[in-house]
């Protein structure tokens, strides 16, 4: 913060245009991840069981016509095994990362125009401290300070941020979901 300008990275926000400084808790979308996993697992395992049953049925009908000396190694076990492997990989790469995410405390800086800055921490104390310092600088024009925030990469697709609103079209419009 220098000369009434708030610097976040290379972005400059004049304090005169800051409309709101607030803290929001960004919660991982655990329920959504579990629902997606259960939907995927149910679909894959359901298809696998149907295919395994069809392969078993085909093998049993062919075995009646084959001689008893041949061994009948069916592919139904392989279908189920491959399906289970797919489900495990989906869990490891799509569901587990969401389950391991921490809730983040985000300091949101809104301006009078469209730009918004978002800084997030796992510990809420840092967010509250910086919010207090920015608010103090808005109220006291002579204030200048420096605070370094380490760079953290956050994939917001894994988080529920704000309300979920479907406003397009008439089909499936559920309004605000909290």
Protein backbone atom coordinates (compact mmCIF):
# COMPACT_ATOMS: atom_id res chain seq x y z
CA UNK A 1 0.00 0.00 0.00
CA UNK A 2 1.65 3.17 -1.21
CA UNK A 3 0.17 6.58 -2.01
CA UNK A 4 -3.43 5.35 -1.58
CA UNK A 5 -2.86 2.51 -4.06
CA UNK A 6 -3.26 -1.12 -3.01
CA UNK A 7 -0.95 -3.42 -4.95
CA UNK A 8 -1.84 -7.09 -5.31
CA UNK A 9 0.78 -8.67 -7.51
CA UNK A 10 0.99 -6.41 -10.54
CA UNK A 11 -2.60 -5.14 -10.18
CA UNK A 12 -3.13 -1.69 -8.71
CA UNK A 13 -6.34 -0.80 -6.86
CA UNK A 14 -6.82 2.88 -5.94
CA UNK A 15 -8.31 3.01 -2.45
CA UNK A 16 -10.87 5.53 -3.65
CA UNK A 17 -12.44 2.81 -5.83
CA UNK A 18 -12.47 0.06 -3.20
CA UNK A 19 -16.15 -0.56 -2.48
CA UNK A 20 -15.89 -3.50 -0.10
CA UNK A 21 -13.29 -5.53 1.75
CA UNK A 22 -14.80 -8.74 3.08
CA UNK A 23 -13.85 -12.21 4.21
CA UNK A 24 -15.55 -15.24 2.76
CA UNK A 25 -15.04 -18.87 3.68
CA UNK A 26 -14.50 -21.03 0.61
CA UNK A 27 -15.56 -24.59 1.41
CA UNK A 28 -14.48 -27.60 -0.67
CA UNK A 29 -17.40 -29.11 -2.57
CA UNK A 30 -17.12 -32.48 -0.79
CA UNK A 31 -20.77 -33.40 -1.27
CA UNK A 32 -20.56 -32.71 -5.00
CA UNK A 33 -17.38 -34.78 -5.31
CA UNK A 34 -18.94 -37.71 -3.45
CA UNK A 35 -22.10 -37.50 -5.58
CA UNK A 36 -20.02 -37.47 -8.79
CA UNK A 37 -17.99 -40.45 -7.55
CA UNK A 38 -21.09 -42.45 -6.60
CA UNK A 39 -22.72 -41.65 -9.95
CA UNK A 40 -19.56 -42.70 -11.82
CA UNK A 41 -19.06 -45.84 -9.73
CA UNK A 42 -22.71 -46.85 -10.05
CA UNK A 43 -22.69 -46.36 -13.81
CA UNK A 44 -19.41 -48.16 -14.44
CA UNK A 45 -20.13 -51.06 -12.08
CA UNK A 46 -23.71 -51.38 -13.35
CA UNK A 47 -22.54 -51.61 -16.96
CA UNK A 48 -19.78 -54.03 -15.90
CA UNK A 49 -22.22 -56.32 -14.11
CA UNK A 50 -24.60 -56.34 -17.09
CA UNK A 51 -21.72 -57.10 -19.47
CA UNK A 52 -20.38 -59.79 -17.11
CA UNK A 53 -23.82 -61.38 -16.92
CA UNK A 54 -24.12 -61.35 -20.72
CA UNK A 55 -20.65 -62.87 -21.13
CA UNK A 56 -21.45 -65.53 -18.51
CA UNK A 57 -24.72 -66.31 -20.21
CA UNK A 58 -23.02 -66.56 -23.61
CA UNK A 59 -20.27 -68.78 -22.15
CA UNK A 60 -22.76 -71.09 -20.47
CA UNK A 61 -24.81 -71.46 -23.65
CA UNK A 62 -21.67 -72.19 -25.70
CA UNK A 63 -20.34 -74.64 -23.12
CA UNK A 64 -23.38 -76.85 -23.64
CA UNK A 65 -22.33 -77.33 -27.24
CA UNK A 66 -18.60 -77.68 -26.57
CA UNK A 67 -16.89 -80.84 -25.49
CA UNK A 68 -16.23 -81.19 -21.80
CA UNK A 69 -12.47 -81.44 -22.37
CA UNK A 70 -12.01 -77.70 -23.15
CA UNK A 71 -11.52 -75.22 -20.33
CA UNK A 72 -13.99 -72.36 -20.18
CA UNK A 73 -12.18 -69.19 -19.08
CA UNK A 74 -14.82 -66.48 -19.18
CA UNK A 75 -14.14 -62.79 -19.59
CA UNK A 76 -16.71 -61.73 -16.99
CA UNK A 77 -14.11 -61.62 -14.23
CA UNK A 78 -11.89 -59.38 -16.35
CA UNK A 79 -14.76 -57.00 -17.03
CA UNK A 80 -15.47 -56.57 -13.33
CA UNK A 81 -11.75 -56.22 -12.51
CA UNK A 82 -11.18 -53.54 -15.14
CA UNK A 83 -14.30 -51.71 -13.94
CA UNK A 84 -13.07 -51.77 -10.34
CA UNK A 85 -9.69 -50.42 -11.47
CA UNK A 86 -11.47 -47.57 -13.31
CA UNK A 87 -13.49 -46.74 -10.19
CA UNK A 88 -10.35 -46.73 -8.01
CA UNK A 89 -8.52 -44.44 -10.47
CA UNK A 90 -11.50 -42.08 -10.60
CA UNK A 91 -11.55 -41.93 -6.81
CA UNK A 92 -7.79 -41.31 -6.57
CA UNK A 93 -7.62 -38.62 -9.25
CA UNK A 94 -11.03 -36.88 -9.13
CA UNK A 95 -12.54 -37.42 -5.68
CA UNK A 96 -9.66 -37.72 -3.22
CA UNK A 97 -8.06 -34.35 -4.11
CA UNK A 98 -11.36 -32.62 -3.28
CA UNK A 99 -11.71 -34.56 -0.01
CA UNK A 100 -8.20 -33.49 1.03
CA UNK A 101 -8.76 -29.78 0.32
CA UNK A 102 -8.88 -27.43 3.30
CA UNK A 103 -11.46 -24.71 3.72
CA UNK A 104 -9.97 -21.38 2.76
CA UNK A 105 -10.58 -17.94 4.24
CA UNK A 106 -10.62 -15.50 1.35
CA UNK A 107 -10.14 -11.77 1.56
CA UNK A 108 -12.20 -10.30 -1.27
CA UNK A 109 -11.54 -6.77 -2.41
CA UNK A 110 -14.34 -5.41 -4.60
CA UNK A 111 -14.03 -2.15 -6.46
CA UNK A 112 -16.63 0.26 -7.79
CA UNK A 113 -16.06 -1.31 -11.21
CA UNK A 114 -15.85 -4.97 -12.29
CA UNK A 115 -12.36 -5.93 -10.97
CA UNK A 116 -12.20 -8.07 -7.85
CA UNK A 117 -9.14 -9.37 -6.03
CA UNK A 118 -9.18 -12.56 -4.00
CA UNK A 119 -6.50 -13.62 -1.52
CA UNK A 120 -6.98 -16.91 0.34
CA UNK A 121 -5.44 -18.52 3.42
CA UNK A 122 -6.00 -21.73 5.34
CA UNK A 123 -5.63 -19.75 8.58
CA UNK A 124 -8.29 -17.03 9.07
CA UNK A 125 -6.02 -14.82 11.20
CA UNK A 126 -4.01 -13.65 8.16
CA UNK A 127 -7.19 -12.69 6.28
CA UNK A 128 -8.60 -10.75 9.24
CA UNK A 129 -5.27 -9.01 9.85
CA UNK A 130 -4.96 -7.83 6.24
CA UNK A 131 -8.63 -6.81 6.15
CA UNK A 132 -8.08 -4.65 9.25
CA UNK A 133 -4.96 -3.05 7.74
CA UNK A 134 -6.71 -2.23 4.45
CA UNK A 135 -9.77 -0.86 6.25
CA UNK A 136 -7.49 1.26 8.45
CA UNK A 137 -5.73 2.57 5.32
CA UNK A 138 -9.08 3.52 3.76
CA UNK A 139 -10.05 5.47 6.89
CA UNK A 140 -6.60 7.05 7.35
CA UNK A 141 -5.20 8.40 4.06
CA UNK A 142 -1.66 8.86 5.43
CA UNK A 143 -1.27 5.13 6.13
CA UNK A 144 1.24 3.11 4.13
CA UNK A 145 2.24 -0.50 4.73
CA UNK A 146 3.72 -3.57 3.10
CA UNK A 147 2.61 -7.12 3.63
CA UNK A 148 3.82 -10.04 1.58
CA UNK A 149 1.47 -12.91 0.88
CA UNK A 150 2.95 -16.15 -0.38
CA UNK A 151 1.65 -17.35 -3.71
CA UNK A 152 -0.84 -20.20 -3.43
CA UNK A 153 -2.46 -21.92 -6.38
CA UNK A 154 -6.13 -22.66 -5.76
CA UNK A 155 -8.32 -24.60 -8.17
CA UNK A 156 -11.74 -23.04 -7.54
CA UNK A 157 -13.47 -25.87 -9.44
CA UNK A 158 -13.03 -27.94 -6.26
CA UNK A 159 -14.73 -25.36 -4.05
CA UNK A 160 -18.26 -24.10 -3.51
CA UNK A 161 -17.92 -20.32 -3.69
CA UNK A 162 -21.12 -18.38 -3.14
CA UNK A 163 -24.61 -19.37 -4.17
CA UNK A 164 -25.37 -21.86 -6.94
CA UNK A 165 -27.92 -20.29 -9.28
CA UNK A 166 -29.22 -21.64 -12.59
CA UNK A 167 -30.76 -18.69 -14.43
CA UNK A 168 -30.66 -19.92 -18.04
CA UNK A 169 -33.71 -21.56 -19.55
CA UNK A 170 -36.79 -22.94 -17.89
CA UNK A 171 -35.72 -26.59 -17.59
CA UNK A 172 -33.94 -27.54 -14.36
CA UNK A 173 -34.09 -24.03 -12.92
CA UNK A 174 -33.70 -24.61 -9.19
CA UNK A 175 -33.05 -21.06 -8.02
CA UNK A 176 -30.61 -20.58 -5.16
CA UNK A 177 -29.16 -23.77 -3.67
CA UNK A 178 -27.45 -23.43 -0.30
